[in-house]
Amino acid sequence: MSRKIRLTGLVLTAVILLAGLIAICGVSSQNIGPVKSPEIVGTSSDSVKLSWKRVGSSDGYFVYQKKGDKFKKIKTVKDPQKLGCTVKNLDDSTAYTFVVKAFKQHKKKLVESEKFTEVSACTVPKTQNAKVEAVQANALRISWQTNPKCGGYDVQYAKSKDFSDKESINIKNAKSESTDILELKVNDEYNVRVRSYVYFNEQKITGKWSKVVTAKVLDAAGIAAVDATKPMIAVTFDDGPGYNGASDKILDVIEKYHIKATFFMLGSNASNLTKNVKRKVALGCQIGNHTYNHEHYGKNVTPADITKASDAIEKACGVRPTAFRSPGGITTDLIRNTCKQEKMPLYYWSLDTQDWKSRNADKVYNAVIKNVSDGDIILMHEIYTSTADAFERMVPVLIKKGYQFVTCDELVAAKSGKKPEPGTQYVDGKTINNKTS
């Protein structure tokens, strides 16, 4: 009997000791179960979104990122009911591995689950900036910014805006920055888009398509074959780019209606507003020179006023100006000779909106609508909001009347049958004025 009592006492003592040990040591990490079903539920070019199932005994979750052979804690989710998070500020086109662990706070000690499951994902390639231009007869060159981390590029071109008739090209070299589309028909216009891609776990992950850019196929003379049987005008804008939003609004209209204009810009302004100038190039507009800062007129204009502007504009957008307009319309032999050396024809105007004087959208609109005629070169300025408002109103009206909006070079080529000559000043599509002002 005494032996039974002793055994019972020993068992009771062991139970008490075990309970005490648990009380002293707290909750073991083995009591925190592993996070079940961690998975990647979304990716972007700079983030990965994770989700997981709830661990009932946890107080929250730790997210670790694998770096080499080690894991670094990068995020703490303190709400046990929150079953997901987004890891941000990641590099694009890059593979990442993550681990999610549950944790529990017991008195002063923090414990976390020991077992875990790794999950991996690849961020999406960045969106490309596409460009399309006619660099030779019957062909277009499509170019983009290279992404050394991607696996290649998808290129699509189509006549339709919805790309229902698209042709696709797969560029497998990440270092490639352009491709040429040959044997196209002169005057056909194509919409182009580009995206980069990367392979991860044998799956192709693609970035978003670039913004669609458009270009027209040119002939051997480098001039688009506009329809000479239909009326056309060359709308020109001086003194830009502007700083008040007017320039951007004008470009919005040009992009919306797929038309062209010629911009005679100041080199000083172009240097500070490169994004605007590059957009003009991308929209197929003609880039013109209006001297560096518009401070000199007539005989006071120096060769440096012209060449410095061309240098600044080319630096801003990668394209050297192909046309010139004299400040105030005052042209001298020196100006013409400098323009000839710079391979730029000069353009005066046949319809003056006097937008600089009225600063009134209604007056500018009426000046064009009531006086426009086939072959006109129209003078406007891209630095006035009133001009931008008038331009937005007049474009759909003139298109409905059958007018084509062309560049100055296109206008002269279509109306005269010859490419405009550097150093020669044109008043409209046919009229030449080389007199010294």
Protein backbone atom coordinates (compact mmCIF):
# COMPACT_ATOMS: atom_id res chain seq x y z
CA MET A 1 0.00 0.00 0.00
CA SER A 2 2.78 2.38 0.90
CA ARG A 3 4.45 1.54 -2.42
CA LYS A 4 1.29 2.62 -4.29
CA ILE A 5 1.20 5.83 -2.39
CA ARG A 6 4.85 6.48 -3.24
CA LEU A 7 4.25 5.84 -6.97
CA THR A 8 1.21 8.08 -6.99
CA GLY A 9 3.21 10.77 -5.27
CA LEU A 10 5.97 10.47 -7.82
CA VAL A 11 3.54 10.82 -10.73
CA LEU A 12 1.88 13.81 -9.12
CA THR A 13 5.26 15.37 -8.48
CA ALA A 14 6.23 14.85 -12.17
CA VAL A 15 3.01 16.44 -13.36
CA ILE A 16 3.57 19.42 -11.10
CA LEU A 17 7.16 19.78 -12.27
CA LEU A 18 6.13 19.58 -15.92
CA ALA A 19 3.45 22.19 -15.42
CA GLY A 20 5.95 24.42 -13.73
CA LEU A 21 8.45 23.96 -16.50
CA ILE A 22 5.84 24.97 -19.09
CA ALA A 23 4.90 27.98 -16.99
CA ILE A 24 8.54 29.02 -16.69
CA CYS A 25 9.52 28.49 -20.31
CA GLY A 26 6.36 29.87 -21.83
CA VAL A 27 4.84 28.67 -25.09
CA SER A 28 7.14 26.62 -27.31
CA SER A 29 7.61 27.63 -30.93
CA GLN A 30 6.21 24.22 -31.77
CA ASN A 31 2.88 25.43 -30.44
CA ILE A 32 2.73 28.00 -33.26
CA GLY A 33 1.67 26.10 -36.32
CA PRO A 34 3.13 26.83 -39.76
CA VAL A 35 1.39 29.26 -42.06
CA LYS A 36 -0.63 27.22 -44.50
CA SER A 37 -1.17 27.91 -48.19
CA PRO A 38 1.02 30.99 -48.61
CA GLU A 39 0.76 32.15 -52.23
CA ILE A 40 1.46 34.98 -54.63
CA VAL A 41 -1.81 36.61 -55.65
CA GLY A 42 -0.53 39.56 -57.67
CA THR A 43 2.54 41.22 -59.14
CA SER A 44 3.43 44.54 -60.72
CA SER A 45 6.68 46.04 -61.94
CA ASP A 46 7.68 47.04 -58.39
CA SER A 47 5.57 44.96 -56.00
CA VAL A 48 4.39 41.47 -55.05
CA LYS A 49 1.15 40.72 -53.22
CA LEU A 50 1.00 37.71 -50.88
CA SER A 51 -1.84 35.94 -49.06
CA TRP A 52 -2.10 33.06 -46.58
CA LYS A 53 -4.50 31.20 -44.28
CA ARG A 54 -5.00 32.14 -40.64
CA VAL A 55 -3.06 30.46 -37.87
CA GLY A 56 -5.51 30.40 -34.98
CA SER A 57 -3.08 30.80 -32.08
CA SER A 58 -1.04 33.60 -33.63
CA ASP A 59 -0.84 37.29 -32.84
CA GLY A 60 0.39 38.21 -36.30
CA TYR A 61 2.78 37.31 -39.07
CA PHE A 62 6.33 37.98 -40.18
CA VAL A 63 7.24 38.19 -43.87
CA TYR A 64 10.79 37.29 -44.84
CA GLN A 65 12.56 37.82 -48.15
CA LYS A 66 15.25 35.40 -49.25
CA LYS A 67 18.59 37.00 -50.03
CA GLY A 68 21.22 34.48 -51.02
CA ASP A 69 21.01 31.61 -48.55
CA LYS A 70 19.49 33.74 -45.78
CA PHE A 71 16.11 35.26 -45.02
CA LYS A 72 15.63 38.88 -44.01
CA LYS A 73 12.53 40.05 -42.17
CA ILE A 74 10.95 42.79 -44.30
CA LYS A 75 7.41 43.17 -42.97
CA THR A 76 5.38 42.63 -39.81
CA VAL A 77 1.61 42.13 -39.90
CA LYS A 78 0.35 42.68 -36.35
CA ASP A 79 -3.29 41.91 -37.07
CA PRO A 80 -3.87 38.12 -37.00
CA GLN A 81 -7.05 38.63 -38.99
CA LYS A 82 -5.16 40.26 -41.87
CA LEU A 83 -4.18 37.45 -44.19
CA GLY A 84 -2.05 39.18 -46.78
CA CYS A 85 0.26 42.07 -47.56
CA THR A 86 2.04 43.80 -50.43
CA VAL A 87 5.82 44.00 -50.63
CA LYS A 88 6.75 47.22 -52.43
CA ASN A 89 9.82 48.99 -53.84
CA LEU A 90 11.05 45.94 -55.74
CA ASP A 91 13.01 45.86 -59.00
CA ASP A 92 11.15 45.01 -62.18
CA SER A 93 11.75 41.78 -64.12
CA THR A 94 13.29 40.17 -61.03
CA ALA A 95 12.58 36.87 -59.24
CA TYR A 96 11.90 36.99 -55.48
CA THR A 97 11.34 34.32 -52.82
CA PHE A 98 9.34 34.93 -49.63
CA VAL A 99 8.43 33.11 -46.40
CA VAL A 100 5.53 33.89 -44.06
CA LYS A 101 5.74 32.85 -40.38
CA ALA A 102 3.15 33.19 -37.64
CA PHE A 103 4.23 34.65 -34.29
CA LYS A 104 2.81 34.81 -30.77
CA GLN A 105 3.67 37.08 -27.90
CA HIS A 106 3.83 35.21 -24.55
CA LYS A 107 4.61 37.52 -21.66
CA LYS A 108 7.99 39.00 -22.62
CA LYS A 109 8.94 36.33 -25.12
CA LEU A 110 8.12 36.30 -28.84
CA VAL A 111 7.94 32.95 -30.57
CA GLU A 112 7.30 32.15 -34.21
CA SER A 113 6.58 29.05 -36.23
CA GLU A 114 9.62 27.03 -37.19
CA LYS A 115 8.28 25.27 -40.26
CA PHE A 116 7.57 27.32 -43.36
CA THR A 117 6.94 27.14 -47.08
CA GLU A 118 8.83 29.23 -49.63
CA VAL A 119 6.87 31.02 -52.36
CA SER A 120 8.45 32.69 -55.37
CA ALA A 121 7.36 35.22 -57.99
CA CYS A 122 8.81 37.47 -60.67
CA THR A 123 7.96 41.15 -60.91
CA VAL A 124 6.48 42.38 -64.17
CA PRO A 125 8.74 44.19 -66.70
CA LYS A 126 8.38 47.96 -66.82
CA THR A 127 6.22 49.57 -69.48
CA GLN A 128 8.26 50.53 -72.55
CA ASN A 129 8.36 53.91 -74.29
CA ALA A 130 7.87 53.22 -77.99
CA LYS A 131 8.79 55.40 -80.95
CA VAL A 132 8.07 54.94 -84.64
CA GLU A 133 9.52 56.97 -87.51
CA ALA A 134 10.05 56.79 -91.24
CA VAL A 135 13.80 56.47 -91.78
CA GLN A 136 13.71 55.24 -95.37
CA ALA A 137 11.23 54.90 -98.22
CA ASN A 138 8.39 52.41 -97.73
CA ALA A 139 9.55 51.50 -94.24
CA LEU A 140 9.10 52.33 -90.59
CA ARG A 141 11.56 51.96 -87.74
CA ILE A 142 10.12 50.98 -84.37
CA SER A 143 12.38 51.68 -81.40
CA TRP A 144 12.16 51.48 -77.62
CA GLN A 145 14.18 51.85 -74.42
CA THR A 146 16.09 48.66 -73.70
CA ASN A 147 15.53 46.67 -70.51
CA PRO A 148 18.64 44.54 -69.79
CA LYS A 149 16.76 42.49 -67.19
CA CYS A 150 14.04 41.29 -69.55
CA GLY A 151 14.06 38.33 -71.90
CA GLY A 152 12.94 40.17 -75.02
CA TYR A 153 10.27 42.36 -76.59
CA ASP A 154 6.89 41.95 -78.26
CA VAL A 155 6.24 44.44 -81.07
CA GLN A 156 2.87 44.93 -82.75
CA TYR A 157 1.88 47.22 -85.61
CA ALA A 158 -1.53 47.66 -87.22
CA LYS A 159 -3.57 50.04 -89.33
CA SER A 160 -6.59 49.70 -87.04
CA LYS A 161 -6.70 51.51 -83.71
CA ASP A 162 -7.93 48.37 -81.95
CA PHE A 163 -5.10 46.26 -83.43
CA SER A 164 -7.58 43.80 -84.91
CA ASP A 165 -5.36 43.50 -88.00
CA LYS A 166 -2.09 43.45 -86.04
CA GLU A 167 1.18 41.96 -87.16
CA SER A 168 3.46 40.73 -84.37
CA ILE A 169 7.23 40.50 -84.03
CA ASN A 170 9.11 38.74 -81.23
CA ILE A 171 12.53 40.24 -80.45
CA LYS A 172 14.45 37.72 -78.35
CA ASN A 173 17.52 39.86 -77.67
CA ALA A 174 17.18 42.07 -74.58
CA LYS A 175 19.89 44.39 -75.96
CA SER A 176 17.90 45.14 -79.13
CA GLU A 177 16.49 48.64 -79.30
CA SER A 178 14.76 48.77 -82.69
CA THR A 179 13.37 46.82 -85.63
CA ASP A 180 12.51 47.87 -89.19
CA ILE A 181 9.25 47.08 -90.97
CA LEU A 182 9.90 47.02 -94.72
CA GLU A 183 7.89 47.02 -97.95
CA LEU A 184 5.04 49.16 -96.64
CA LYS A 185 2.76 51.26 -98.81
CA VAL A 186 3.46 54.99 -99.00
CA ASN A 187 0.90 57.08 -97.11
CA ASP A 188 -0.37 54.16 -95.04
CA GLU A 189 -0.48 55.03 -91.37
CA TYR A 190 0.39 52.49 -88.69
CA ASN A 191 -0.27 52.26 -84.98
CA VAL A 192 2.58 50.71 -83.01
CA ARG A 193 3.06 49.38 -79.48
CA VAL A 194 5.83 47.54 -77.63
CA ARG A 195 6.14 45.56 -74.43
CA SER A 196 8.98 43.65 -72.76
CA TYR A 197 8.75 40.18 -71.25
CA VAL A 198 10.68 37.81 -69.01
CA TYR A 199 10.52 34.03 -68.45
CA PHE A 200 9.99 32.68 -64.92
CA ASN A 201 9.44 28.98 -64.17
CA GLU A 202 9.03 28.44 -67.93
CA GLN A 203 6.16 30.94 -68.04
CA LYS A 204 6.23 34.16 -70.06
CA ILE A 205 5.51 37.24 -67.95
CA THR A 206 4.74 40.34 -69.99
CA GLY A 207 4.72 44.00 -69.09
CA LYS A 208 1.97 46.41 -70.12
CA TRP A 209 1.85 47.63 -73.70
CA SER A 210 3.46 50.98 -74.33
CA LYS A 211 1.42 53.99 -75.25
CA VAL A 212 0.40 53.62 -78.90
CA VAL A 213 2.43 55.77 -81.29
CA THR A 214 1.56 56.47 -84.90
CA ALA A 215 3.51 57.20 -88.07
CA LYS A 216 2.89 57.49 -91.77
CA VAL A 217 4.96 55.71 -94.40
CA LEU A 218 6.98 58.14 -96.55
CA ASP A 219 8.19 58.02 -100.12
CA ALA A 220 11.78 58.16 -101.36
CA ALA A 221 11.85 61.96 -101.01
CA GLY A 222 10.97 61.67 -97.33
CA ILE A 223 7.56 63.29 -97.71
CA ALA A 224 4.23 61.69 -96.85
CA ALA A 225 2.00 61.27 -99.86
CA VAL A 226 -0.86 63.45 -98.72
CA ASP A 227 -3.91 63.51 -100.95
CA ALA A 228 -3.21 66.47 -103.26
CA THR A 229 -6.81 66.39 -104.50
CA LYS A 230 -8.12 67.40 -101.09
CA PRO A 231 -7.73 70.76 -99.32
CA MET A 232 -4.95 71.05 -96.76
CA ILE A 233 -3.51 73.54 -94.31
CA ALA A 234 -0.36 73.82 -92.23
CA VAL A 235 -1.11 75.10 -88.74
CA THR A 236 2.02 76.58 -87.14
CA PHE A 237 2.74 77.54 -83.53
CA ASP A 238 5.45 80.00 -82.44
CA ASP A 239 7.29 80.83 -79.21
CA GLY A 240 6.88 77.51 -77.37
CA PRO A 241 6.97 75.31 -75.56
CA GLY A 242 4.82 77.17 -73.03
CA TYR A 243 4.75 76.88 -69.25
CA ASN A 244 1.01 77.27 -68.60
CA GLY A 245 -0.43 74.03 -69.99
CA ALA A 246 -1.46 75.50 -73.35
CA SER A 247 1.24 73.57 -75.23
CA ASP A 248 0.19 70.27 -73.72
CA LYS A 249 -3.48 70.92 -74.49
CA ILE A 250 -2.62 71.63 -78.13
CA LEU A 251 -0.75 68.31 -78.29
CA ASP A 252 -3.75 66.55 -76.73
CA VAL A 253 -5.88 67.81 -79.62
CA ILE A 254 -3.27 66.74 -82.18
CA GLU A 255 -3.11 63.27 -80.66
CA LYS A 256 -6.89 62.92 -80.42
CA TYR A 257 -7.52 63.73 -84.08
CA HIS A 258 -4.31 62.18 -85.48
CA ILE A 259 -3.25 65.38 -87.21
CA LYS A 260 0.03 67.26 -87.57
CA ALA A 261 1.32 70.77 -87.00
CA THR A 262 4.63 72.61 -87.20
CA PHE A 263 6.15 74.10 -84.03
CA PHE A 264 8.64 76.96 -84.28
CA MET A 265 10.21 76.78 -80.84
CA LEU A 266 12.66 78.80 -78.79
CA GLY A 267 15.80 76.88 -77.90
CA SER A 268 15.75 78.22 -74.34
CA ASN A 269 12.21 76.95 -73.74
CA ALA A 270 12.87 73.59 -75.36
CA SER A 271 15.82 73.01 -73.03
CA ASN A 272 13.55 73.29 -70.01
CA LEU A 273 10.52 71.41 -71.38
CA THR A 274 12.05 68.35 -73.00
CA LYS A 275 9.06 66.10 -72.31
CA ASN A 276 6.82 68.39 -74.36
CA VAL A 277 9.29 68.56 -77.25
CA LYS A 278 9.75 64.79 -77.31
CA ARG A 279 5.98 64.36 -77.43
CA LYS A 280 5.81 66.58 -80.51
CA VAL A 281 8.31 64.34 -82.23
CA ALA A 282 6.41 61.21 -81.21
CA LEU A 283 3.20 62.66 -82.66
CA GLY A 284 4.86 63.20 -86.03
CA CYS A 285 4.84 66.99 -85.91
CA GLN A 286 7.49 69.07 -87.65
CA ILE A 287 10.10 70.59 -85.38
CA GLY A 288 11.00 74.19 -86.19
CA ASN A 289 13.48 76.82 -85.01
CA HIS A 290 12.45 80.34 -83.88
CA THR A 291 15.90 81.40 -82.57
CA TYR A 292 17.25 80.70 -79.11
CA ASN A 293 15.40 83.33 -77.08
CA HIS A 294 13.51 85.65 -79.51
CA GLU A 295 15.51 88.68 -78.33
CA HIS A 296 16.85 89.73 -81.75
CA TYR A 297 14.90 90.78 -84.86
CA GLY A 298 15.85 91.26 -88.51
CA LYS A 299 19.41 92.47 -89.03
CA ASN A 300 20.17 91.89 -85.33
CA VAL A 301 19.67 88.14 -85.64
CA THR A 302 23.04 86.38 -85.63
CA PRO A 303 23.98 82.91 -86.91
CA ALA A 304 24.47 81.90 -83.29
CA ASP A 305 20.85 82.80 -82.51
CA ILE A 306 19.82 80.15 -85.03
CA THR A 307 22.44 77.42 -84.53
CA LYS A 308 22.28 77.64 -80.73
CA ALA A 309 18.51 77.08 -80.93
CA SER A 310 18.92 74.07 -83.22
CA ASP A 311 21.52 72.59 -80.87
CA ALA A 312 19.27 73.07 -77.83
CA ILE A 313 16.20 71.62 -79.54
CA GLU A 314 18.14 68.62 -80.83
CA LYS A 315 19.52 67.99 -77.36
CA ALA A 316 16.01 68.17 -75.93
CA CYS A 317 14.39 65.66 -78.27
CA GLY A 318 17.03 64.00 -80.45
CA VAL A 319 15.73 65.65 -83.63
CA ARG A 320 17.32 68.67 -85.30
CA PRO A 321 14.85 71.32 -86.54
CA THR A 322 13.87 71.09 -90.21
CA ALA A 323 12.20 74.49 -90.57
CA PHE A 324 12.73 78.10 -89.48
CA ARG A 325 10.57 81.14 -88.85
CA SER A 326 12.10 84.57 -88.38
CA PRO A 327 11.17 86.48 -85.21
CA GLY A 328 8.47 88.94 -86.18
CA GLY A 329 8.57 87.53 -89.70
CA ILE A 330 11.54 89.79 -90.51
CA THR A 331 13.95 87.87 -92.76
CA THR A 332 17.42 88.91 -93.95
CA ASP A 333 20.00 87.46 -96.32
CA LEU A 334 22.08 86.39 -93.33
CA ILE A 335 19.12 84.49 -91.88
CA ARG A 336 18.41 82.75 -95.19
CA ASN A 337 22.07 81.83 -95.70
CA THR A 338 22.34 80.43 -92.18
CA CYS A 339 19.17 78.43 -92.68
CA LYS A 340 20.53 77.09 -95.95
CA GLN A 341 23.62 75.88 -94.14
CA GLU A 342 21.39 74.33 -91.49
CA LYS A 343 19.29 72.70 -94.26
CA MET A 344 16.12 74.48 -93.15
CA PRO A 345 13.50 76.09 -95.41
CA LEU A 346 11.85 79.21 -93.97
CA TYR A 347 8.10 79.65 -93.46
CA TYR A 348 6.15 82.90 -93.27
CA TRP A 349 2.32 82.73 -93.16
CA SER A 350 -0.75 83.47 -95.25
CA LEU A 351 -3.32 83.62 -92.44
CA ASP A 352 -2.51 85.53 -89.26
CA THR A 353 -4.87 84.80 -86.36
CA GLN A 354 -3.39 87.68 -84.30
CA ASP A 355 -3.90 85.48 -81.24
CA TRP A 356 -1.05 87.33 -79.52
CA LYS A 357 -3.09 90.51 -79.74
CA SER A 358 -6.63 89.40 -78.92
CA ARG A 359 -5.92 86.63 -76.38
CA ASN A 360 -9.54 85.68 -77.07
CA ALA A 361 -10.55 82.16 -78.11
CA ASP A 362 -13.65 83.28 -80.04
CA LYS A 363 -11.68 85.80 -82.10
CA VAL A 364 -8.95 83.29 -82.88
CA TYR A 365 -11.50 80.65 -83.84
CA ASN A 366 -13.37 83.05 -86.15
CA ALA A 367 -10.15 84.32 -87.70
CA VAL A 368 -9.48 80.81 -88.97
CA ILE A 369 -12.97 79.50 -89.73
CA LYS A 370 -14.03 82.62 -91.65
CA ASN A 371 -10.81 83.12 -93.62
CA VAL A 372 -9.13 79.75 -94.13
CA SER A 373 -8.43 78.47 -97.63
CA ASP A 374 -6.66 75.54 -99.23
CA GLY A 375 -2.86 75.81 -98.97
CA ASP A 376 -2.76 78.27 -96.08
CA ILE A 377 0.05 78.47 -93.56
CA ILE A 378 -1.69 79.59 -90.38
CA LEU A 379 0.16 81.58 -87.71
CA MET A 380 -0.64 80.87 -84.06
CA HIS A 381 1.26 80.75 -80.76
CA GLU A 382 1.38 77.79 -78.38
CA ILE A 383 1.85 79.91 -75.28
CA TYR A 384 -1.72 81.18 -74.89
CA THR A 385 -4.55 79.18 -73.29
CA SER A 386 -7.01 81.11 -75.48
CA THR A 387 -5.21 79.76 -78.57
CA ALA A 388 -5.34 76.22 -77.22
CA ASP A 389 -9.08 76.58 -76.58
CA ALA A 390 -9.68 77.93 -80.09
CA PHE A 391 -7.60 75.16 -81.65
CA GLU A 392 -9.62 72.51 -79.82
CA ARG A 393 -12.83 73.97 -81.27
CA MET A 394 -11.63 74.56 -84.82
CA VAL A 395 -9.98 71.21 -85.55
CA PRO A 396 -13.13 69.02 -85.72
CA VAL A 397 -14.91 71.72 -87.73
CA LEU A 398 -12.12 71.94 -90.32
CA ILE A 399 -11.81 68.16 -90.53
CA LYS A 400 -15.54 67.99 -91.24
CA LYS A 401 -15.02 70.53 -94.02
CA GLY A 402 -12.46 68.15 -95.55
CA TYR A 403 -9.20 69.86 -94.60
CA GLN A 404 -6.04 67.81 -94.05
CA PHE A 405 -3.74 69.06 -91.28
CA VAL A 406 -0.19 68.69 -92.60
CA THR A 407 3.28 69.97 -91.75
CA CYS A 408 4.80 72.89 -93.65
CA ASP A 409 7.11 70.56 -95.57
CA GLU A 410 4.19 68.33 -96.54
CA LEU A 411 2.13 71.32 -97.66
CA VAL A 412 4.81 72.69 -100.00
CA ALA A 413 5.62 69.24 -101.39
CA ALA A 414 1.96 68.51 -102.12
CA LYS A 415 1.16 71.93 -103.62
CA SER A 416 4.36 72.55 -105.56
CA GLY A 417 5.30 68.98 -106.39
CA LYS A 418 8.80 69.54 -104.99
CA LYS A 419 10.47 69.15 -101.65
CA PRO A 420 10.95 72.57 -99.98
CA GLU A 421 14.43 74.04 -100.45
CA PRO A 422 16.64 75.08 -97.52
CA GLY A 423 17.15 78.85 -97.37
CA THR A 424 13.93 79.54 -99.32
CA GLN A 425 11.00 81.24 -97.58
CA TYR A 426 7.44 80.08 -98.28
CA VAL A 427 4.32 82.12 -97.61
CA ASP A 428 1.86 79.33 -98.36
CA GLY A 429 1.91 76.01 -100.22
CA LYS A 430 3.03 77.60 -103.51
CA THR A 431 4.17 81.18 -102.89
CA ILE A 432 7.85 82.00 -102.36
CA ASN A 433 9.07 85.27 -100.86
CA ASN A 434 12.85 85.68 -100.72
CA LYS A 435 12.82 89.44 -100.42
CA THR A 436 14.74 91.00 -97.60
CA SER A 437 12.37 92.54 -95.06
